[in-house]
C-alpha cells in the first residue's frame, strides 16, 4: 500500500495484520526525515 494514512485508519480498515510492519515517516523542520517502523502485535476486536 502506498500513500498517506493514519495508523488508526489502517487498523480500522484492516489494511494491516497482526505481525505486520508499518513505516511511519514525516518531514520535520530543517529538512529532517523522522521515521519509525511499528510492528502490529494485535488488532482490536471488530465488535463494538
PDB file of N, CA and C in Angstrom:
ATOM      1  N   UNK A   1       0.844  -1.178   0.000  1.00  0.00           N
ATOM      2  CA  UNK A   1       0.000   0.000   0.000  1.00  0.00           C
ATOM      3  C   UNK A   1       0.888   1.239   0.000  1.00  0.00           C
ATOM      4  N   UNK A   2       0.521   2.198  -0.804  1.00  0.00           N
ATOM      5  CA  UNK A   2       1.260   3.453  -0.835  1.00  0.00           C
ATOM      6  C   UNK A   2       0.314   4.600  -0.524  1.00  0.00           C
ATOM      7  N   UNK A   3       0.861   5.763  -0.317  1.00  0.00           N
ATOM      8  CA  UNK A   3       0.043   6.923   0.009  1.00  0.00           C
ATOM      9  C   UNK A   3       0.165   7.262   1.471  1.00  0.00           C
ATOM     10  N   UNK A   4      -0.719   8.128   1.930  1.00  0.00           N
ATOM     11  CA  UNK A   4      -0.648   8.507   3.332  1.00  0.00           C
ATOM     12  C   UNK A   4      -1.945   8.115   4.030  1.00  0.00           C
ATOM     13  N   UNK A   5      -1.790   7.591   5.211  1.00  0.00           N
ATOM     14  CA  UNK A   5      -2.934   7.192   6.032  1.00  0.00           C
ATOM     15  C   UNK A   5      -2.484   7.167   7.477  1.00  0.00           C
ATOM     16  N   UNK A   6      -3.400   7.474   8.373  1.00  0.00           N
ATOM     17  CA  UNK A   6      -3.091   7.384   9.785  1.00  0.00           C
ATOM     18  C   UNK A   6      -3.098   5.931  10.241  1.00  0.00           C
ATOM     19  N   UNK A   7      -2.360   5.642  11.260  1.00  0.00           N
ATOM     20  CA  UNK A   7      -2.287   4.278  11.774  1.00  0.00           C
ATOM     21  C   UNK A   7      -3.659   3.774  12.216  1.00  0.00           C
ATOM     22  N   UNK A   8      -4.440   4.628  12.865  1.00  0.00           N
ATOM     23  CA  UNK A   8      -5.783   4.220  13.296  1.00  0.00           C
ATOM     24  C   UNK A   8      -6.647   3.852  12.090  1.00  0.00           C
ATOM     25  N   UNK A   9      -6.546   4.618  11.025  1.00  0.00           N
ATOM     26  CA  UNK A   9      -7.322   4.343   9.816  1.00  0.00           C
ATOM     27  C   UNK A   9      -6.939   2.993   9.220  1.00  0.00           C
ATOM     28  N   UNK A  10      -5.637   2.711   9.187  1.00  0.00           N
ATOM     29  CA  UNK A  10      -5.172   1.428   8.656  1.00  0.00           C
ATOM     30  C   UNK A  10      -5.704   0.260   9.479  1.00  0.00           C
ATOM     31  N   UNK A  11      -5.730   0.428  10.789  1.00  0.00           N
ATOM     32  CA  UNK A  11      -6.226  -0.635  11.663  1.00  0.00           C
ATOM     33  C   UNK A  11      -7.733  -0.795  11.511  1.00  0.00           C
ATOM     34  N   UNK A  12      -8.468   0.309  11.489  1.00  0.00           N
ATOM     35  CA  UNK A  12      -9.925   0.248  11.345  1.00  0.00           C
ATOM     36  C   UNK A  12     -10.340  -0.426  10.046  1.00  0.00           C
ATOM     37  N   UNK A  13      -9.628  -0.169   8.980  1.00  0.00           N
ATOM     38  CA  UNK A  13      -9.966  -0.746   7.674  1.00  0.00           C
ATOM     39  C   UNK A  13      -9.344  -2.125   7.462  1.00  0.00           C
ATOM     40  N   UNK A  14      -8.626  -2.603   8.457  1.00  0.00           N
ATOM     41  CA  UNK A  14      -7.961  -3.909   8.382  1.00  0.00           C
ATOM     42  C   UNK A  14      -6.961  -3.974   7.216  1.00  0.00           C
ATOM     43  N   UNK A  15      -6.263  -2.855   6.985  1.00  0.00           N
ATOM     44  CA  UNK A  15      -5.226  -2.807   5.957  1.00  0.00           C
ATOM     45  C   UNK A  15      -3.918  -3.404   6.469  1.00  0.00           C
ATOM     46  N   UNK A  16      -3.839  -3.650   7.762  1.00  0.00           N
ATOM     47  CA  UNK A  16      -2.668  -4.274   8.370  1.00  0.00           C
ATOM     48  C   UNK A  16      -3.119  -5.541   9.084  1.00  0.00           C
ATOM     49  N   UNK A  17      -2.187  -6.424   9.305  1.00  0.00           N
ATOM     50  CA  UNK A  17      -2.472  -7.675  10.012  1.00  0.00           C
ATOM     51  C   UNK A  17      -1.543  -7.818  11.204  1.00  0.00           C
ATOM     52  N   UNK A  18      -1.948  -8.649  12.110  1.00  0.00           N
ATOM     53  CA  UNK A  18      -1.110  -8.947  13.267  1.00  0.00           C
ATOM     54  C   UNK A  18       0.231  -9.490  12.769  1.00  0.00           C
ATOM     55  N   UNK A  19       1.311  -8.959  13.290  1.00  0.00           N
ATOM     56  CA  UNK A  19       2.649  -9.360  12.855  1.00  0.00           C
ATOM     57  C   UNK A  19       3.191  -8.517  11.709  1.00  0.00           C
ATOM     58  N   UNK A  20       2.357  -7.650  11.152  1.00  0.00           N
ATOM     59  CA  UNK A  20       2.784  -6.811  10.037  1.00  0.00           C
ATOM     60  C   UNK A  20       3.629  -5.636  10.507  1.00  0.00           C
ATOM     61  N   UNK A  21       4.357  -5.054   9.581  1.00  0.00           N
ATOM     62  CA  UNK A  21       5.192  -3.893   9.870  1.00  0.00           C
ATOM     63  C   UNK A  21       4.631  -2.681   9.139  1.00  0.00           C
ATOM     64  N   UNK A  22       4.658  -1.532   9.808  1.00  0.00           N
ATOM     65  CA  UNK A  22       4.165  -0.283   9.234  1.00  0.00           C
ATOM     66  C   UNK A  22       5.264   0.761   9.373  1.00  0.00           C
ATOM     67  N   UNK A  23       5.538   1.465   8.288  1.00  0.00           N
ATOM     68  CA  UNK A  23       6.521   2.538   8.312  1.00  0.00           C
ATOM     69  C   UNK A  23       5.793   3.853   8.551  1.00  0.00           C
ATOM     70  N   UNK A  24       6.178   4.552   9.609  1.00  0.00           N
ATOM     71  CA  UNK A  24       5.655   5.887   9.894  1.00  0.00           C
ATOM     72  C   UNK A  24       6.768   6.870   9.566  1.00  0.00           C
ATOM     73  N   UNK A  25       6.466   7.856   8.742  1.00  0.00           N
ATOM     74  CA  UNK A  25       7.506   8.832   8.403  1.00  0.00           C
ATOM     75  C   UNK A  25       6.895  10.208   8.262  1.00  0.00           C
ATOM     76  N   UNK A  26       7.740  11.184   8.365  1.00  0.00           N
ATOM     77  CA  UNK A  26       7.289  12.563   8.259  1.00  0.00           C
ATOM     78  C   UNK A  26       8.433  13.453   7.846  1.00  0.00           C
ATOM     79  N   UNK A  27       8.115  14.705   7.637  1.00  0.00           N
ATOM     80  CA  UNK A  27       9.131  15.693   7.293  1.00  0.00           C
ATOM     81  C   UNK A  27       9.141  16.731   8.400  1.00  0.00           C
ATOM     82  N   UNK A  28      10.289  16.912   9.014  1.00  0.00           N
ATOM     83  CA  UNK A  28      10.401  17.866  10.105  1.00  0.00           C
ATOM     84  C   UNK A  28      11.066  19.153   9.650  1.00  0.00           C
ATOM     85  N   UNK A  29      11.141  20.092  10.548  1.00  0.00           N
ATOM     86  CA  UNK A  29      11.812  21.367  10.261  1.00  0.00           C
ATOM     87  C   UNK A  29      13.303  21.111  10.042  1.00  0.00           C
ATOM     88  N   UNK A  30      13.889  21.874   9.203  1.00  0.00           N
ATOM     89  CA  UNK A  30      15.329  21.714   8.947  1.00  0.00           C
ATOM     90  C   UNK A  30      15.636  20.541   8.042  1.00  0.00           C
ATOM     91  N   UNK A  31      14.669  20.097   7.251  1.00  0.00           N
ATOM     92  CA  UNK A  31      14.854  19.014   6.306  1.00  0.00           C
ATOM     93  C   UNK A  31      15.227  17.690   6.969  1.00  0.00           C
ATOM     94  N   UNK A  32      14.681  17.455   8.135  1.00  0.00           N
ATOM     95  CA  UNK A  32      14.882  16.155   8.774  1.00  0.00           C
ATOM     96  C   UNK A  32      13.777  15.209   8.324  1.00  0.00           C
ATOM     97  N   UNK A  33      14.055  13.952   8.295  1.00  0.00           N
ATOM     98  CA  UNK A  33      13.097  12.931   7.868  1.00  0.00           C
ATOM     99  C   UNK A  33      12.921  11.912   8.985  1.00  0.00           C
ATOM    100  N   UNK A  34      12.131  12.258  10.012  1.00  0.00           N
ATOM    101  CA  UNK A  34      11.934  11.300  11.104  1.00  0.00           C
ATOM    102  C   UNK A  34      11.127  10.100  10.612  1.00  0.00           C
ATOM    103  N   UNK A  35      11.367   8.969  11.231  1.00  0.00           N
ATOM    104  CA  UNK A  35      10.623   7.778  10.847  1.00  0.00           C
ATOM    105  C   UNK A  35      10.698   6.716  11.925  1.00  0.00           C
ATOM    106  N   UNK A  36       9.796   5.786  11.831  1.00  0.00           N
ATOM    107  CA  UNK A  36       9.769   4.661  12.763  1.00  0.00           C
ATOM    108  C   UNK A  36       9.093   3.484  12.072  1.00  0.00           C
ATOM    109  N   UNK A  37       9.505   2.299  12.432  1.00  0.00           N
ATOM    110  CA  UNK A  37       8.843   1.084  11.972  1.00  0.00           C
ATOM    111  C   UNK A  37       8.106   0.508  13.169  1.00  0.00           C
ATOM    112  N   UNK A  38       6.810   0.251  12.986  1.00  0.00           N
ATOM    113  CA  UNK A  38       5.961  -0.257  14.063  1.00  0.00           C
ATOM    114  C   UNK A  38       5.509  -1.657  13.695  1.00  0.00           C
ATOM    115  N   UNK A  39       5.667  -2.585  14.619  1.00  0.00           N
ATOM    116  CA  UNK A  39       5.148  -3.947  14.417  1.00  0.00           C
ATOM    117  C   UNK A  39       3.754  -4.032  15.033  1.00  0.00           C
ATOM    118  N   UNK A  40       2.793  -4.519  14.277  1.00  0.00           N
ATOM    119  CA  UNK A  40       1.430  -4.683  14.761  1.00  0.00           C
ATOM    120  C   UNK A  40       1.366  -5.988  15.552  1.00  0.00           C
ATOM    121  N   UNK A  41       1.196  -5.892  16.858  1.00  0.00           N
ATOM    122  CA  UNK A  41       1.182  -7.082  17.700  1.00  0.00           C
ATOM    123  C   UNK A  41      -0.203  -7.724  17.768  1.00  0.00           C
ATOM    124  N   UNK A  42      -1.227  -6.926  17.654  1.00  0.00           N
ATOM    125  CA  UNK A  42      -2.587  -7.451  17.700  1.00  0.00           C
ATOM    126  C   UNK A  42      -3.549  -6.385  17.241  1.00  0.00           C
ATOM    127  N   UNK A  43      -4.734  -6.804  16.851  1.00  0.00           N
ATOM    128  CA  UNK A  43      -5.763  -5.884  16.388  1.00  0.00           C
ATOM    129  C   UNK A  43      -6.946  -5.940  17.346  1.00  0.00           C
ATOM    130  N   UNK A  44      -7.643  -4.822  17.505  1.00  0.00           N
ATOM    131  CA  UNK A  44      -8.830  -4.817  18.364  1.00  0.00           C
ATOM    132  C   UNK A  44      -9.948  -5.652  17.742  1.00  0.00           C
ATOM    133  N   UNK A  45     -10.822  -6.153  18.580  1.00  0.00           N
ATOM    134  CA  UNK A  45     -11.963  -6.908  18.115  1.00  0.00           C
ATOM    135  C   UNK A  45     -12.877  -5.999  17.320  1.00  0.00           C
ATOM    136  N   UNK A  46     -13.478  -6.493  16.267  1.00  0.00           N
ATOM    137  CA  UNK A  46     -14.364  -5.674  15.430  1.00  0.00           C
ATOM    138  C   UNK A  46     -15.667  -5.327  16.103  1.00  0.00           C
ATOM    139  N   UNK A  47     -16.086  -6.122  17.046  1.00  0.00           N
ATOM    140  CA  UNK A  47     -17.367  -5.865  17.730  1.00  0.00           C
ATOM    141  C   UNK A  47     -17.276  -4.582  18.530  1.00  0.00           C
ATOM    142  N   UNK A  48     -18.377  -3.827  18.551  1.00  0.00           N
ATOM    143  CA  UNK A  48     -18.407  -2.563  19.317  1.00  0.00           C
ATOM    144  C   UNK A  48     -19.316  -2.714  20.494  1.00  0.00           C
TER     145      UNK A  48
END
